[in-house]
Amino acid sequence: GAWMPDPFGKQPNSLLRNNGNGTFSD
């Protein structure tokens, strides 16, 4: 969302969990 003027910058961040098998889950 950075640099974007409101309301376009209202974007979610993501935590992506490492599943230990080569994949990631949000």
mmCIF file of all heavy atoms, coordinates in Angstrom:
data_MODEL
# 
_entry.id   MODEL 
# 
loop_
_atom_site.group_PDB 
_atom_site.id 
_atom_site.type_symbol 
_atom_site.label_atom_id 
_atom_site.label_alt_id 
_atom_site.label_comp_id 
_atom_site.label_asym_id 
_atom_site.label_entity_id 
_atom_site.label_seq_id 
_atom_site.pdbx_PDB_ins_code 
_atom_site.Cartn_x 
_atom_site.Cartn_y 
_atom_site.Cartn_z 
_atom_site.occupancy 
_atom_site.B_iso_or_equiv 
_atom_site.pdbx_formal_charge 
_atom_site.auth_seq_id 
_atom_site.auth_comp_id 
_atom_site.auth_asym_id 
_atom_site.auth_atom_id 
_atom_site.pdbx_PDB_model_num 
ATOM 1   N N   . GLY A 1 1  ? 0.778   -1.244  0.000  1.00 0.00 ? 1  GLY A N   1 
ATOM 2   C CA  . GLY A 1 1  ? 0.000   0.000   0.000  1.00 0.00 ? 1  GLY A CA  1 
ATOM 3   C C   . GLY A 1 1  ? 0.799   1.278   0.000  1.00 0.00 ? 1  GLY A C   1 
ATOM 4   O O   . GLY A 1 1  ? 0.235   2.359   -0.187 1.00 0.00 ? 1  GLY A O   1 
ATOM 5   N N   . ALA A 1 2  ? 2.120   1.212   0.209  1.00 0.00 ? 2  ALA A N   1 
ATOM 6   C CA  . ALA A 1 2  ? 2.924   2.429   0.302  1.00 0.00 ? 2  ALA A CA  1 
ATOM 7   C C   . ALA A 1 2  ? 2.881   3.230   -0.997 1.00 0.00 ? 2  ALA A C   1 
ATOM 8   O O   . ALA A 1 2  ? 2.695   2.671   -2.074 1.00 0.00 ? 2  ALA A O   1 
ATOM 9   C CB  . ALA A 1 2  ? 4.368   2.072   0.640  1.00 0.00 ? 2  ALA A CB  1 
ATOM 10  N N   . TRP A 1 3  ? 3.073   4.538   -0.857 1.00 0.00 ? 3  TRP A N   1 
ATOM 11  C CA  . TRP A 1 3  ? 3.107   5.521   -1.945 1.00 0.00 ? 3  TRP A CA  1 
ATOM 12  C C   . TRP A 1 3  ? 1.723   5.811   -2.520 1.00 0.00 ? 3  TRP A C   1 
ATOM 13  O O   . TRP A 1 3  ? 1.503   6.876   -3.088 1.00 0.00 ? 3  TRP A O   1 
ATOM 14  C CB  . TRP A 1 3  ? 4.030   5.084   -3.098 1.00 0.00 ? 3  TRP A CB  1 
ATOM 15  C CG  . TRP A 1 3  ? 5.482   5.133   -2.797 1.00 0.00 ? 3  TRP A CG  1 
ATOM 16  C CD1 . TRP A 1 3  ? 6.355   4.096   -2.859 1.00 0.00 ? 3  TRP A CD1 1 
ATOM 17  C CD2 . TRP A 1 3  ? 6.251   6.269   -2.400 1.00 0.00 ? 3  TRP A CD2 1 
ATOM 18  N NE1 . TRP A 1 3  ? 7.634   4.505   -2.529 1.00 0.00 ? 3  TRP A NE1 1 
ATOM 19  C CE2 . TRP A 1 3  ? 7.598   5.839   -2.248 1.00 0.00 ? 3  TRP A CE2 1 
ATOM 20  C CE3 . TRP A 1 3  ? 5.953   7.606   -2.155 1.00 0.00 ? 3  TRP A CE3 1 
ATOM 21  C CZ2 . TRP A 1 3  ? 8.622   6.689   -1.861 1.00 0.00 ? 3  TRP A CZ2 1 
ATOM 22  C CZ3 . TRP A 1 3  ? 6.981   8.458   -1.773 1.00 0.00 ? 3  TRP A CZ3 1 
ATOM 23  C CH2 . TRP A 1 3  ? 8.289   7.992   -1.637 1.00 0.00 ? 3  TRP A CH2 1 
ATOM 24  N N   . MET A 1 4  ? 0.805   4.872   -2.396 1.00 0.00 ? 4  MET A N   1 
ATOM 25  C CA  . MET A 1 4  ? -0.520  5.073   -2.978 1.00 0.00 ? 4  MET A CA  1 
ATOM 26  C C   . MET A 1 4  ? -1.296  6.133   -2.188 1.00 0.00 ? 4  MET A C   1 
ATOM 27  O O   . MET A 1 4  ? -1.318  6.089   -0.957 1.00 0.00 ? 4  MET A O   1 
ATOM 28  C CB  . MET A 1 4  ? -1.309  3.769   -2.958 1.00 0.00 ? 4  MET A CB  1 
ATOM 29  C CG  . MET A 1 4  ? -0.750  2.682   -3.840 1.00 0.00 ? 4  MET A CG  1 
ATOM 30  S SD  . MET A 1 4  ? -1.381  2.829   -5.504 1.00 0.00 ? 4  MET A SD  1 
ATOM 31  C CE  . MET A 1 4  ? -0.658  1.358   -6.250 1.00 0.00 ? 4  MET A CE  1 
ATOM 32  N N   . PRO A 1 5  ? -1.938  7.057   -2.862 1.00 0.00 ? 5  PRO A N   1 
ATOM 33  C CA  . PRO A 1 5  ? -2.790  8.013   -2.135 1.00 0.00 ? 5  PRO A CA  1 
ATOM 34  C C   . PRO A 1 5  ? -4.060  7.316   -1.661 1.00 0.00 ? 5  PRO A C   1 
ATOM 35  O O   . PRO A 1 5  ? -4.506  6.329   -2.249 1.00 0.00 ? 5  PRO A O   1 
ATOM 36  C CB  . PRO A 1 5  ? -3.110  9.071   -3.207 1.00 0.00 ? 5  PRO A CB  1 
ATOM 37  C CG  . PRO A 1 5  ? -3.018  8.317   -4.504 1.00 0.00 ? 5  PRO A CG  1 
ATOM 38  C CD  . PRO A 1 5  ? -1.918  7.305   -4.314 1.00 0.00 ? 5  PRO A CD  1 
ATOM 39  N N   . ASP A 1 6  ? -4.637  7.830   -0.577 1.00 0.00 ? 6  ASP A N   1 
ATOM 40  C CA  . ASP A 1 6  ? -5.925  7.307   -0.124 1.00 0.00 ? 6  ASP A CA  1 
ATOM 41  C C   . ASP A 1 6  ? -6.974  7.548   -1.206 1.00 0.00 ? 6  ASP A C   1 
ATOM 42  O O   . ASP A 1 6  ? -6.965  8.590   -1.864 1.00 0.00 ? 6  ASP A O   1 
ATOM 43  C CB  . ASP A 1 6  ? -6.357  8.000   1.173  1.00 0.00 ? 6  ASP A CB  1 
ATOM 44  C CG  . ASP A 1 6  ? -5.640  7.430   2.393  1.00 0.00 ? 6  ASP A CG  1 
ATOM 45  O OD1 . ASP A 1 6  ? -5.191  6.280   2.326  1.00 0.00 ? 6  ASP A OD1 1 
ATOM 46  O OD2 . ASP A 1 6  ? -5.528  8.154   3.399  1.00 0.00 ? 6  ASP A OD2 1 
ATOM 47  N N   . PRO A 1 7  ? -7.889  6.613   -1.414 1.00 0.00 ? 7  PRO A N   1 
ATOM 48  C CA  . PRO A 1 7  ? -8.066  5.372   -0.646 1.00 0.00 ? 7  PRO A CA  1 
ATOM 49  C C   . PRO A 1 7  ? -7.294  4.184   -1.209 1.00 0.00 ? 7  PRO A C   1 
ATOM 50  O O   . PRO A 1 7  ? -7.439  3.071   -0.731 1.00 0.00 ? 7  PRO A O   1 
ATOM 51  C CB  . PRO A 1 7  ? -9.571  5.126   -0.775 1.00 0.00 ? 7  PRO A CB  1 
ATOM 52  C CG  . PRO A 1 7  ? -9.880  5.598   -2.172 1.00 0.00 ? 7  PRO A CG  1 
ATOM 53  C CD  . PRO A 1 7  ? -8.985  6.803   -2.396 1.00 0.00 ? 7  PRO A CD  1 
ATOM 54  N N   . PHE A 1 8  ? -6.488  4.422   -2.249 1.00 0.00 ? 8  PHE A N   1 
ATOM 55  C CA  . PHE A 1 8  ? -5.869  3.309   -2.973 1.00 0.00 ? 8  PHE A CA  1 
ATOM 56  C C   . PHE A 1 8  ? -4.800  2.592   -2.148 1.00 0.00 ? 8  PHE A C   1 
ATOM 57  O O   . PHE A 1 8  ? -4.445  1.452   -2.438 1.00 0.00 ? 8  PHE A O   1 
ATOM 58  C CB  . PHE A 1 8  ? -5.268  3.808   -4.285 1.00 0.00 ? 8  PHE A CB  1 
ATOM 59  C CG  . PHE A 1 8  ? -6.235  4.581   -5.137 1.00 0.00 ? 8  PHE A CG  1 
ATOM 60  C CD1 . PHE A 1 8  ? -6.042  5.930   -5.398 1.00 0.00 ? 8  PHE A CD1 1 
ATOM 61  C CD2 . PHE A 1 8  ? -7.357  3.964   -5.649 1.00 0.00 ? 8  PHE A CD2 1 
ATOM 62  C CE1 . PHE A 1 8  ? -6.933  6.645   -6.170 1.00 0.00 ? 8  PHE A CE1 1 
ATOM 63  C CE2 . PHE A 1 8  ? -8.271  4.669   -6.426 1.00 0.00 ? 8  PHE A CE2 1 
ATOM 64  C CZ  . PHE A 1 8  ? -8.059  6.018   -6.688 1.00 0.00 ? 8  PHE A CZ  1 
ATOM 65  N N   . GLY A 1 9  ? -4.276  3.245   -1.115 1.00 0.00 ? 9  GLY A N   1 
ATOM 66  C CA  . GLY A 1 9  ? -3.235  2.633   -0.297 1.00 0.00 ? 9  GLY A CA  1 
ATOM 67  C C   . GLY A 1 9  ? -3.748  1.735   0.809  1.00 0.00 ? 9  GLY A C   1 
ATOM 68  O O   . GLY A 1 9  ? -2.950  1.125   1.527  1.00 0.00 ? 9  GLY A O   1 
ATOM 69  N N   . LYS A 1 10 ? -5.053  1.658   0.942  1.00 0.00 ? 10 LYS A N   1 
ATOM 70  C CA  . LYS A 1 10 ? -5.613  0.801   1.993  1.00 0.00 ? 10 LYS A CA  1 
ATOM 71  C C   . LYS A 1 10 ? -5.553  -0.655  1.542  1.00 0.00 ? 10 LYS A C   1 
ATOM 72  O O   . LYS A 1 10 ? -6.510  -1.197  0.987  1.00 0.00 ? 10 LYS A O   1 
ATOM 73  C CB  . LYS A 1 10 ? -7.045  1.217   2.309  1.00 0.00 ? 10 LYS A CB  1 
ATOM 74  C CG  . LYS A 1 10 ? -7.156  2.572   2.995  1.00 0.00 ? 10 LYS A CG  1 
ATOM 75  C CD  . LYS A 1 10 ? -8.605  2.885   3.313  1.00 0.00 ? 10 LYS A CD  1 
ATOM 76  C CE  . LYS A 1 10 ? -8.748  4.203   4.040  1.00 0.00 ? 10 LYS A CE  1 
ATOM 77  N NZ  . LYS A 1 10 ? -10.153 4.504   4.349  1.00 0.00 ? 10 LYS A NZ  1 
ATOM 78  N N   . GLN A 1 11 ? -4.396  -1.257  1.787  1.00 0.00 ? 11 GLN A N   1 
ATOM 79  C CA  . GLN A 1 11 ? -4.145  -2.634  1.363  1.00 0.00 ? 11 GLN A CA  1 
ATOM 80  C C   . GLN A 1 11 ? -3.663  -3.448  2.556  1.00 0.00 ? 11 GLN A C   1 
ATOM 81  O O   . GLN A 1 11 ? -2.974  -2.922  3.435  1.00 0.00 ? 11 GLN A O   1 
ATOM 82  C CB  . GLN A 1 11 ? -3.118  -2.662  0.237  1.00 0.00 ? 11 GLN A CB  1 
ATOM 83  C CG  . GLN A 1 11 ? -3.545  -1.897  -1.003 1.00 0.00 ? 11 GLN A CG  1 
ATOM 84  C CD  . GLN A 1 11 ? -2.514  -1.929  -2.105 1.00 0.00 ? 11 GLN A CD  1 
ATOM 85  O OE1 . GLN A 1 11 ? -1.607  -2.767  -2.107 1.00 0.00 ? 11 GLN A OE1 1 
ATOM 86  N NE2 . GLN A 1 11 ? -2.631  -1.009  -3.063 1.00 0.00 ? 11 GLN A NE2 1 
ATOM 87  N N   . PRO A 1 12 ? -3.994  -4.717  2.604  1.00 0.00 ? 12 PRO A N   1 
ATOM 88  C CA  . PRO A 1 12 ? -3.577  -5.528  3.750  1.00 0.00 ? 12 PRO A CA  1 
ATOM 89  C C   . PRO A 1 12 ? -2.142  -6.012  3.615  1.00 0.00 ? 12 PRO A C   1 
ATOM 90  O O   . PRO A 1 12 ? -1.642  -6.224  2.508  1.00 0.00 ? 12 PRO A O   1 
ATOM 91  C CB  . PRO A 1 12 ? -4.548  -6.718  3.676  1.00 0.00 ? 12 PRO A CB  1 
ATOM 92  C CG  . PRO A 1 12 ? -4.798  -6.886  2.207  1.00 0.00 ? 12 PRO A CG  1 
ATOM 93  C CD  . PRO A 1 12 ? -4.820  -5.481  1.645  1.00 0.00 ? 12 PRO A CD  1 
ATOM 94  N N   . ASN A 1 13 ? -1.469  -6.164  4.737  1.00 0.00 ? 13 ASN A N   1 
ATOM 95  C CA  . ASN A 1 13 ? -0.194  -6.869  4.771  1.00 0.00 ? 13 ASN A CA  1 
ATOM 96  C C   . ASN A 1 13 ? -0.488  -8.373  4.855  1.00 0.00 ? 13 ASN A C   1 
ATOM 97  O O   . ASN A 1 13 ? -1.635  -8.776  5.069  1.00 0.00 ? 13 ASN A O   1 
ATOM 98  C CB  . ASN A 1 13 ? 0.638   -6.414  5.969  1.00 0.00 ? 13 ASN A CB  1 
ATOM 99  C CG  . ASN A 1 13 ? 0.890   -4.920  5.940  1.00 0.00 ? 13 ASN A CG  1 
ATOM 100 O OD1 . ASN A 1 13 ? 1.178   -4.356  4.901  1.00 0.00 ? 13 ASN A OD1 1 
ATOM 101 N ND2 . ASN A 1 13 ? 0.766   -4.274  7.096  1.00 0.00 ? 13 ASN A ND2 1 
ATOM 102 N N   . SER A 1 14 ? 0.530   -9.194  4.682  1.00 0.00 ? 14 SER A N   1 
ATOM 103 C CA  . SER A 1 14 ? 0.337   -10.647 4.745  1.00 0.00 ? 14 SER A CA  1 
ATOM 104 C C   . SER A 1 14 ? 1.414   -11.304 5.589  1.00 0.00 ? 14 SER A C   1 
ATOM 105 O O   . SER A 1 14 ? 2.604   -11.004 5.431  1.00 0.00 ? 14 SER A O   1 
ATOM 106 C CB  . SER A 1 14 ? 0.387   -11.266 3.339  1.00 0.00 ? 14 SER A CB  1 
ATOM 107 O OG  . SER A 1 14 ? -0.823  -11.087 2.654  1.00 0.00 ? 14 SER A OG  1 
ATOM 108 N N   . LEU A 1 15 ? 0.986   -12.206 6.459  1.00 0.00 ? 15 LEU A N   1 
ATOM 109 C CA  . LEU A 1 15 ? 1.906   -13.105 7.156  1.00 0.00 ? 15 LEU A CA  1 
ATOM 110 C C   . LEU A 1 15 ? 1.807   -14.465 6.470  1.00 0.00 ? 15 LEU A C   1 
ATOM 111 O O   . LEU A 1 15 ? 0.753   -15.094 6.475  1.00 0.00 ? 15 LEU A O   1 
ATOM 112 C CB  . LEU A 1 15 ? 1.539   -13.222 8.636  1.00 0.00 ? 15 LEU A CB  1 
ATOM 113 C CG  . LEU A 1 15 ? 2.398   -14.200 9.459  1.00 0.00 ? 15 LEU A CG  1 
ATOM 114 C CD1 . LEU A 1 15 ? 3.866   -13.789 9.442  1.00 0.00 ? 15 LEU A CD1 1 
ATOM 115 C CD2 . LEU A 1 15 ? 1.892   -14.278 10.894 1.00 0.00 ? 15 LEU A CD2 1 
ATOM 116 N N   . LEU A 1 16 ? 2.911   -14.904 5.883  1.00 0.00 ? 16 LEU A N   1 
ATOM 117 C CA  . LEU A 1 16 ? 2.948   -16.159 5.137  1.00 0.00 ? 16 LEU A CA  1 
ATOM 118 C C   . LEU A 1 16 ? 3.730   -17.192 5.944  1.00 0.00 ? 16 LEU A C   1 
ATOM 119 O O   . LEU A 1 16 ? 4.938   -17.069 6.129  1.00 0.00 ? 16 LEU A O   1 
ATOM 120 C CB  . LEU A 1 16 ? 3.595   -15.945 3.768  1.00 0.00 ? 16 LEU A CB  1 
ATOM 121 C CG  . LEU A 1 16 ? 2.946   -14.857 2.895  1.00 0.00 ? 16 LEU A CG  1 
ATOM 122 C CD1 . LEU A 1 16 ? 3.701   -14.702 1.583  1.00 0.00 ? 16 LEU A CD1 1 
ATOM 123 C CD2 . LEU A 1 16 ? 1.474   -15.173 2.641  1.00 0.00 ? 16 LEU A CD2 1 
ATOM 124 N N   . ARG A 1 17 ? 3.009   -18.186 6.430  1.00 0.00 ? 17 ARG A N   1 
ATOM 125 C CA  . ARG A 1 17 ? 3.618   -19.222 7.268  1.00 0.00 ? 17 ARG A CA  1 
ATOM 126 C C   . ARG A 1 17 ? 4.370   -20.241 6.403  1.00 0.00 ? 17 ARG A C   1 
ATOM 127 O O   . ARG A 1 17 ? 3.846   -20.739 5.405  1.00 0.00 ? 17 ARG A O   1 
ATOM 128 C CB  . ARG A 1 17 ? 2.527   -19.938 8.066  1.00 0.00 ? 17 ARG A CB  1 
ATOM 129 C CG  . ARG A 1 17 ? 3.058   -21.009 9.039  1.00 0.00 ? 17 ARG A CG  1 
ATOM 130 C CD  . ARG A 1 17 ? 1.913   -21.752 9.699  1.00 0.00 ? 17 ARG A CD  1 
ATOM 131 N NE  . ARG A 1 17 ? 1.126   -22.489 8.721  1.00 0.00 ? 17 ARG A NE  1 
ATOM 132 C CZ  . ARG A 1 17 ? -0.177  -22.731 8.839  1.00 0.00 ? 17 ARG A CZ  1 
ATOM 133 N NH1 . ARG A 1 17 ? -0.851  -22.267 9.878  1.00 0.00 ? 17 ARG A NH1 1 
ATOM 134 N NH2 . ARG A 1 17 ? -0.825  -23.404 7.905  1.00 0.00 ? 17 ARG A NH2 1 
ATOM 135 N N   . ASN A 1 18 ? 5.590   -20.523 6.813  1.00 0.00 ? 18 ASN A N   1 
ATOM 136 C CA  . ASN A 1 18 ? 6.380   -21.585 6.187  1.00 0.00 ? 18 ASN A CA  1 
ATOM 137 C C   . ASN A 1 18 ? 5.874   -22.918 6.726  1.00 0.00 ? 18 ASN A C   1 
ATOM 138 O O   . ASN A 1 18 ? 5.963   -23.199 7.921  1.00 0.00 ? 18 ASN A O   1 
ATOM 139 C CB  . ASN A 1 18 ? 7.862   -21.382 6.529  1.00 0.00 ? 18 ASN A CB  1 
ATOM 140 C CG  . ASN A 1 18 ? 8.784   -22.331 5.805  1.00 0.00 ? 18 ASN A CG  1 
ATOM 141 O OD1 . ASN A 1 18 ? 8.390   -23.420 5.395  1.00 0.00 ? 18 ASN A OD1 1 
ATOM 142 N ND2 . ASN A 1 18 ? 10.043  -21.923 5.660  1.00 0.00 ? 18 ASN A ND2 1 
ATOM 143 N N   . ASN A 1 19 ? 5.339   -23.761 5.847  1.00 0.00 ? 19 ASN A N   1 
ATOM 144 C CA  . ASN A 1 19 ? 4.737   -25.022 6.265  1.00 0.00 ? 19 ASN A CA  1 
ATOM 145 C C   . ASN A 1 19 ? 5.750   -26.151 6.431  1.00 0.00 ? 19 ASN A C   1 
ATOM 146 O O   . ASN A 1 19 ? 5.369   -27.260 6.845  1.00 0.00 ? 19 ASN A O   1 
ATOM 147 C CB  . ASN A 1 19 ? 3.659   -25.450 5.262  1.00 0.00 ? 19 ASN A CB  1 
ATOM 148 C CG  . ASN A 1 19 ? 2.492   -24.474 5.227  1.00 0.00 ? 19 ASN A CG  1 
ATOM 149 O OD1 . ASN A 1 19 ? 2.050   -23.976 6.255  1.00 0.00 ? 19 ASN A OD1 1 
ATOM 150 N ND2 . ASN A 1 19 ? 1.998   -24.171 4.031  1.00 0.00 ? 19 ASN A ND2 1 
ATOM 151 N N   . GLY A 1 20 ? 7.008   -25.883 6.094  1.00 0.00 ? 20 GLY A N   1 
ATOM 152 C CA  . GLY A 1 20 ? 8.040   -26.893 6.287  1.00 0.00 ? 20 GLY A CA  1 
ATOM 153 C C   . GLY A 1 20 ? 8.111   -27.941 5.198  1.00 0.00 ? 20 GLY A C   1 
ATOM 154 O O   . GLY A 1 20 ? 8.943   -28.845 5.260  1.00 0.00 ? 20 GLY A O   1 
ATOM 155 N N   . ASN A 1 21 ? 7.250   -27.823 4.192  1.00 0.00 ? 21 ASN A N   1 
ATOM 156 C CA  . ASN A 1 21 ? 7.245   -28.791 3.091  1.00 0.00 ? 21 ASN A CA  1 
ATOM 157 C C   . ASN A 1 21 ? 7.447   -28.112 1.743  1.00 0.00 ? 21 ASN A C   1 
ATOM 158 O O   . ASN A 1 21 ? 7.074   -28.647 0.695  1.00 0.00 ? 21 ASN A O   1 
ATOM 159 C CB  . ASN A 1 21 ? 5.927   -29.574 3.085  1.00 0.00 ? 21 ASN A CB  1 
ATOM 160 C CG  . ASN A 1 21 ? 4.711   -28.661 2.929  1.00 0.00 ? 21 ASN A CG  1 
ATOM 161 O OD1 . ASN A 1 21 ? 4.853   -27.438 2.802  1.00 0.00 ? 21 ASN A OD1 1 
ATOM 162 N ND2 . ASN A 1 21 ? 3.524   -29.241 2.946  1.00 0.00 ? 21 ASN A ND2 1 
ATOM 163 N N   . GLY A 1 22 ? 8.031   -26.896 1.793  1.00 0.00 ? 22 GLY A N   1 
ATOM 164 C CA  . GLY A 1 22 ? 8.270   -26.148 0.562  1.00 0.00 ? 22 GLY A CA  1 
ATOM 165 C C   . GLY A 1 22 ? 7.138   -25.239 0.165  1.00 0.00 ? 22 GLY A C   1 
ATOM 166 O O   . GLY A 1 22 ? 7.210   -24.569 -0.867 1.00 0.00 ? 22 GLY A O   1 
ATOM 167 N N   . THR A 1 23 ? 6.068   -25.192 0.980  1.00 0.00 ? 23 THR A N   1 
ATOM 168 C CA  . THR A 1 23 ? 4.925   -24.337 0.663  1.00 0.00 ? 23 THR A CA  1 
ATOM 169 C C   . THR A 1 23 ? 4.711   -23.307 1.767  1.00 0.00 ? 23 THR A C   1 
ATOM 170 O O   . THR A 1 23 ? 5.196   -23.458 2.893  1.00 0.00 ? 23 THR A O   1 
ATOM 171 C CB  . THR A 1 23 ? 3.635   -25.155 0.491  1.00 0.00 ? 23 THR A CB  1 
ATOM 172 O OG1 . THR A 1 23 ? 3.245   -25.697 1.764  1.00 0.00 ? 23 THR A OG1 1 
ATOM 173 C CG2 . THR A 1 23 ? 3.829   -26.278 -0.513 1.00 0.00 ? 23 THR A CG2 1 
ATOM 174 N N   . PHE A 1 24 ? 3.941   -22.271 1.417  1.00 0.00 ? 24 PHE A N   1 
ATOM 175 C CA  . PHE A 1 24 ? 3.608   -21.201 2.351  1.00 0.00 ? 24 PHE A CA  1 
ATOM 176 C C   . PHE A 1 24 ? 2.105   -20.979 2.350  1.00 0.00 ? 24 PHE A C   1 
ATOM 177 O O   . PHE A 1 24 ? 1.446   -21.118 1.310  1.00 0.00 ? 24 PHE A O   1 
ATOM 178 C CB  . PHE A 1 24 ? 4.318   -19.899 1.965  1.00 0.00 ? 24 PHE A CB  1 
ATOM 179 C CG  . PHE A 1 24 ? 5.806   -19.930 2.151  1.00 0.00 ? 24 PHE A CG  1 
ATOM 180 C CD1 . PHE A 1 24 ? 6.624   -20.539 1.198  1.00 0.00 ? 24 PHE A CD1 1 
ATOM 181 C CD2 . PHE A 1 24 ? 6.403   -19.371 3.263  1.00 0.00 ? 24 PHE A CD2 1 
ATOM 182 C CE1 . PHE A 1 24 ? 7.995   -20.578 1.354  1.00 0.00 ? 24 PHE A CE1 1 
ATOM 183 C CE2 . PHE A 1 24 ? 7.781   -19.402 3.433  1.00 0.00 ? 24 PHE A CE2 1 
ATOM 184 C CZ  . PHE A 1 24 ? 8.573   -20.012 2.474  1.00 0.00 ? 24 PHE A CZ  1 
ATOM 185 N N   . SER A 1 25 ? 1.567   -20.614 3.517  1.00 0.00 ? 25 SER A N   1 
ATOM 186 C CA  . SER A 1 25 ? 0.140   -20.325 3.656  1.00 0.00 ? 25 SER A CA  1 
ATOM 187 C C   . SER A 1 25 ? -0.049  -18.951 4.276  1.00 0.00 ? 25 SER A C   1 
ATOM 188 O O   . SER A 1 25 ? 0.676   -18.580 5.210  1.00 0.00 ? 25 SER A O   1 
ATOM 189 C CB  . SER A 1 25 ? -0.541  -21.367 4.550  1.00 0.00 ? 25 SER A CB  1 
ATOM 190 O OG  . SER A 1 25 ? -0.470  -22.658 3.997  1.00 0.00 ? 25 SER A OG  1 
ATOM 191 N N   . ASP A 1 26 ? -1.009  -18.205 3.761  1.00 0.00 ? 26 ASP A N   1 
ATOM 192 C CA  . ASP A 1 26 ? -1.347  -16.909 4.351  1.00 0.00 ? 26 ASP A CA  1 
ATOM 193 C C   . ASP A 1 26 ? -2.187  -17.142 5.604  1.00 0.00 ? 26 ASP A C   1 
ATOM 194 O O   . ASP A 1 26 ? -3.251  -17.756 5.545  1.00 0.00 ? 26 ASP A O   1 
ATOM 195 C CB  . ASP A 1 26 ? -2.118  -16.058 3.345  1.00 0.00 ? 26 ASP A CB  1 
ATOM 196 C CG  . ASP A 1 26 ? -2.257  -14.619 3.802  1.00 0.00 ? 26 ASP A CG  1 
ATOM 197 O OD1 . ASP A 1 26 ? -2.777  -14.396 4.907  1.00 0.00 ? 26 ASP A OD1 1 
ATOM 198 O OD2 . ASP A 1 26 ? -1.837  -13.714 3.065  1.00 0.00 ? 26 ASP A OD2 1 
# 
